[in-house]
Amino acid sequence: MPEADYEIEFFRAQGFRRSQCASCGKFFWTLGDHTTCGETPCQEYDFIGNPPFKKRLTVRAMREDFISFMEANGHTRVRR
């Protein structure tokens, strides 16, 4: 892929930089000083056993929270 296809000024303006994964060699955009792309098998999942939420939710409650978030951000709820 030509370099011009992935050199996107928006990413640079937002502080991202393009890095090459030390494990698989693929290139990726990052805001930090990551040495790997963050995908498996280059990096183990770090959220397993460490959920991002403090409260436990049912699938129905998660769906409702998501839909409510989308509504609060200008989207319209539709019937399933």
N, C-alpha and C. Protein backbone atom coordinates (compact mmCIF):
# COMPACT_ATOMS: atom_id res chain seq x y z
N MET A 1 0.85 -1.17 0.00
CA MET A 1 0.00 0.00 0.00
C MET A 1 0.90 1.24 0.00
N PRO A 2 0.62 2.18 -0.87
CA PRO A 2 1.42 3.40 -0.90
C PRO A 2 1.31 4.17 0.42
N GLU A 3 2.41 4.77 0.84
CA GLU A 3 2.46 5.51 2.11
C GLU A 3 1.38 6.60 2.17
N ALA A 4 1.09 7.22 1.05
CA ALA A 4 0.09 8.29 1.01
C ALA A 4 -1.31 7.80 1.40
N ASP A 5 -1.57 6.50 1.25
CA ASP A 5 -2.89 5.96 1.57
C ASP A 5 -3.13 5.89 3.07
N TYR A 6 -2.09 5.82 3.88
CA TYR A 6 -2.29 5.72 5.32
C TYR A 6 -1.73 6.90 6.11
N GLU A 7 -1.02 7.79 5.48
CA GLU A 7 -0.51 8.97 6.16
C GLU A 7 -1.63 10.01 6.20
N ILE A 8 -2.42 9.96 7.25
CA ILE A 8 -3.61 10.80 7.35
C ILE A 8 -3.32 11.95 8.30
N GLU A 9 -3.43 13.17 7.81
CA GLU A 9 -3.10 14.37 8.59
C GLU A 9 -3.95 14.46 9.85
N PHE A 10 -5.20 14.01 9.80
CA PHE A 10 -6.08 14.06 10.97
C PHE A 10 -5.43 13.35 12.15
N PHE A 11 -4.87 12.15 11.92
CA PHE A 11 -4.24 11.40 13.01
C PHE A 11 -3.06 12.17 13.60
N ARG A 12 -2.23 12.72 12.73
CA ARG A 12 -1.09 13.49 13.21
C ARG A 12 -1.54 14.71 14.00
N ALA A 13 -2.58 15.38 13.53
CA ALA A 13 -3.10 16.57 14.22
C ALA A 13 -3.65 16.21 15.59
N GLN A 14 -4.12 14.97 15.76
CA GLN A 14 -4.67 14.52 17.04
C GLN A 14 -3.60 13.95 17.96
N GLY A 15 -2.34 13.93 17.50
CA GLY A 15 -1.26 13.45 18.34
C GLY A 15 -0.87 12.00 18.14
N PHE A 16 -1.51 11.31 17.19
CA PHE A 16 -1.16 9.92 16.91
C PHE A 16 0.18 9.84 16.18
N ARG A 17 0.85 8.72 16.32
CA ARG A 17 2.05 8.47 15.52
C ARG A 17 1.97 7.05 14.99
N ARG A 18 2.62 6.81 13.88
CA ARG A 18 2.59 5.50 13.24
C ARG A 18 3.80 4.71 13.73
N SER A 19 3.55 3.47 14.21
CA SER A 19 4.61 2.62 14.73
C SER A 19 4.54 1.26 14.07
N GLN A 20 5.65 0.53 14.16
CA GLN A 20 5.68 -0.84 13.65
C GLN A 20 5.74 -1.80 14.83
N CYS A 21 4.87 -2.79 14.82
CA CYS A 21 4.79 -3.78 15.90
C CYS A 21 6.09 -4.57 15.98
N ALA A 22 6.66 -4.63 17.18
CA ALA A 22 7.91 -5.37 17.41
C ALA A 22 7.70 -6.87 17.29
N SER A 23 6.44 -7.32 17.38
CA SER A 23 6.16 -8.75 17.34
C SER A 23 5.82 -9.24 15.93
N CYS A 24 4.82 -8.63 15.29
CA CYS A 24 4.35 -9.12 13.99
C CYS A 24 4.86 -8.29 12.80
N GLY A 25 5.37 -7.08 13.08
CA GLY A 25 5.90 -6.24 12.01
C GLY A 25 4.88 -5.37 11.31
N LYS A 26 3.60 -5.50 11.67
CA LYS A 26 2.56 -4.67 11.04
C LYS A 26 2.63 -3.26 11.61
N PHE A 27 2.18 -2.29 10.82
CA PHE A 27 2.17 -0.90 11.27
C PHE A 27 0.83 -0.57 11.91
N PHE A 28 0.85 0.35 12.88
CA PHE A 28 -0.37 0.75 13.58
C PHE A 28 -0.23 2.19 14.06
N TRP A 29 -1.36 2.84 14.31
CA TRP A 29 -1.39 4.20 14.85
C TRP A 29 -1.50 4.11 16.37
N THR A 30 -0.82 4.98 17.09
CA THR A 30 -0.87 4.96 18.54
C THR A 30 -0.74 6.36 19.12
N LEU A 31 -1.33 6.54 20.28
CA LEU A 31 -1.16 7.78 21.04
C LEU A 31 -0.06 7.63 22.09
N GLY A 32 0.31 6.40 22.39
CA GLY A 32 1.29 6.14 23.44
C GLY A 32 2.60 5.62 22.90
N ASP A 33 3.36 5.02 23.80
CA ASP A 33 4.65 4.46 23.44
C ASP A 33 4.57 2.93 23.38
N HIS A 34 3.57 2.42 22.70
CA HIS A 34 3.37 0.97 22.60
C HIS A 34 4.39 0.36 21.66
N THR A 35 4.88 -0.82 22.01
CA THR A 35 5.85 -1.52 21.16
C THR A 35 5.18 -2.59 20.31
N THR A 36 3.93 -2.96 20.68
CA THR A 36 3.19 -3.94 19.89
C THR A 36 1.88 -3.33 19.44
N CYS A 37 1.27 -3.96 18.44
CA CYS A 37 0.04 -3.45 17.85
C CYS A 37 -1.17 -3.58 18.78
N GLY A 38 -1.05 -4.40 19.80
CA GLY A 38 -2.15 -4.57 20.74
C GLY A 38 -3.11 -5.68 20.39
N GLU A 39 -2.91 -6.31 19.24
CA GLU A 39 -3.76 -7.41 18.81
C GLU A 39 -3.15 -8.74 19.26
N THR A 40 -4.01 -9.77 19.37
CA THR A 40 -3.46 -11.09 19.67
C THR A 40 -2.86 -11.64 18.39
N PRO A 41 -1.82 -12.39 18.39
CA PRO A 41 -1.12 -12.93 19.55
C PRO A 41 -0.01 -12.01 20.07
N CYS A 42 0.12 -10.82 19.52
CA CYS A 42 1.21 -9.91 19.93
C CYS A 42 1.05 -9.44 21.38
N GLN A 43 -0.19 -9.36 21.84
CA GLN A 43 -0.46 -8.92 23.21
C GLN A 43 -1.65 -9.70 23.74
N GLU A 44 -1.55 -10.19 24.95
CA GLU A 44 -2.67 -10.90 25.57
C GLU A 44 -3.77 -9.90 25.89
N TYR A 45 -5.00 -10.39 25.92
CA TYR A 45 -6.11 -9.53 26.32
C TYR A 45 -5.91 -9.12 27.77
N ASP A 46 -5.95 -7.83 28.06
CA ASP A 46 -5.73 -7.40 29.44
C ASP A 46 -7.02 -7.03 30.17
N PHE A 47 -8.14 -7.11 29.47
CA PHE A 47 -9.40 -6.78 30.12
C PHE A 47 -10.07 -8.01 30.74
N ILE A 48 -9.64 -9.22 30.38
CA ILE A 48 -10.24 -10.42 30.93
C ILE A 48 -9.90 -10.51 32.41
N GLY A 49 -10.91 -10.63 33.24
CA GLY A 49 -10.71 -10.64 34.68
C GLY A 49 -10.55 -9.25 35.27
N ASN A 50 -10.61 -8.22 34.42
CA ASN A 50 -10.48 -6.84 34.86
C ASN A 50 -11.51 -5.99 34.10
N PRO A 51 -12.80 -6.17 34.38
CA PRO A 51 -13.84 -5.50 33.62
C PRO A 51 -13.76 -3.98 33.75
N PRO A 52 -14.11 -3.25 32.69
CA PRO A 52 -14.04 -1.79 32.72
C PRO A 52 -15.17 -1.13 33.53
N PHE A 53 -16.16 -1.93 33.94
CA PHE A 53 -17.31 -1.38 34.66
C PHE A 53 -17.29 -1.81 36.12
N LYS A 54 -17.74 -0.93 36.99
CA LYS A 54 -17.79 -1.25 38.41
C LYS A 54 -19.02 -2.09 38.75
N LYS A 55 -20.15 -1.82 38.05
CA LYS A 55 -21.38 -2.56 38.36
C LYS A 55 -21.58 -3.71 37.37
N ARG A 56 -22.17 -4.78 37.86
CA ARG A 56 -22.49 -5.91 36.99
C ARG A 56 -23.80 -5.61 36.29
N LEU A 57 -23.87 -5.90 35.01
CA LEU A 57 -25.06 -5.61 34.23
C LEU A 57 -25.55 -6.88 33.53
N THR A 58 -26.86 -6.97 33.38
CA THR A 58 -27.43 -8.02 32.55
C THR A 58 -27.29 -7.57 31.10
N VAL A 59 -27.50 -8.49 30.17
CA VAL A 59 -27.43 -8.13 28.75
C VAL A 59 -28.48 -7.07 28.44
N ARG A 60 -29.66 -7.21 29.01
CA ARG A 60 -30.73 -6.23 28.78
C ARG A 60 -30.32 -4.85 29.29
N ALA A 61 -29.72 -4.80 30.47
CA ALA A 61 -29.29 -3.51 31.04
C ALA A 61 -28.16 -2.90 30.21
N MET A 62 -27.23 -3.73 29.72
CA MET A 62 -26.15 -3.21 28.86
C MET A 62 -26.73 -2.62 27.59
N ARG A 63 -27.69 -3.33 27.00
CA ARG A 63 -28.33 -2.84 25.77
C ARG A 63 -29.01 -1.51 26.03
N GLU A 64 -29.75 -1.41 27.13
CA GLU A 64 -30.45 -0.18 27.45
C GLU A 64 -29.47 0.97 27.70
N ASP A 65 -28.38 0.71 28.42
CA ASP A 65 -27.37 1.75 28.65
C ASP A 65 -26.78 2.23 27.33
N PHE A 66 -26.49 1.29 26.42
CA PHE A 66 -25.93 1.65 25.12
C PHE A 66 -26.90 2.49 24.31
N ILE A 67 -28.15 2.04 24.23
CA ILE A 67 -29.16 2.77 23.46
C ILE A 67 -29.39 4.16 24.06
N SER A 68 -29.43 4.25 25.38
CA SER A 68 -29.62 5.54 26.03
C SER A 68 -28.44 6.48 25.74
N PHE A 69 -27.23 5.94 25.73
CA PHE A 69 -26.05 6.73 25.38
C PHE A 69 -26.17 7.27 23.96
N MET A 70 -26.59 6.41 23.04
CA MET A 70 -26.73 6.84 21.64
C MET A 70 -27.81 7.93 21.51
N GLU A 71 -28.92 7.76 22.23
CA GLU A 71 -29.98 8.78 22.20
C GLU A 71 -29.46 10.12 22.73
N ALA A 72 -28.68 10.07 23.81
CA ALA A 72 -28.14 11.29 24.41
C ALA A 72 -27.15 11.98 23.48
N ASN A 73 -26.68 11.25 22.47
CA ASN A 73 -25.72 11.82 21.52
C ASN A 73 -26.32 12.02 20.13
N GLY A 74 -27.63 12.29 20.10
CA GLY A 74 -28.28 12.71 18.87
C GLY A 74 -28.85 11.62 17.99
N HIS A 75 -28.82 10.37 18.41
CA HIS A 75 -29.36 9.28 17.60
C HIS A 75 -30.80 8.99 18.02
N THR A 76 -31.54 8.33 17.15
CA THR A 76 -32.95 8.03 17.41
C THR A 76 -33.12 6.55 17.70
N ARG A 77 -33.88 6.26 18.74
CA ARG A 77 -34.19 4.87 19.09
C ARG A 77 -35.19 4.33 18.08
N VAL A 78 -34.94 3.11 17.60
CA VAL A 78 -35.88 2.45 16.69
C VAL A 78 -36.25 1.10 17.27
N ARG A 79 -37.39 0.59 16.85
CA ARG A 79 -37.83 -0.73 17.31
C ARG A 79 -36.93 -1.80 16.71
N ARG A 80 -36.77 -2.90 17.44
CA ARG A 80 -35.98 -4.02 16.92
C ARG A 80 -36.67 -4.60 15.72
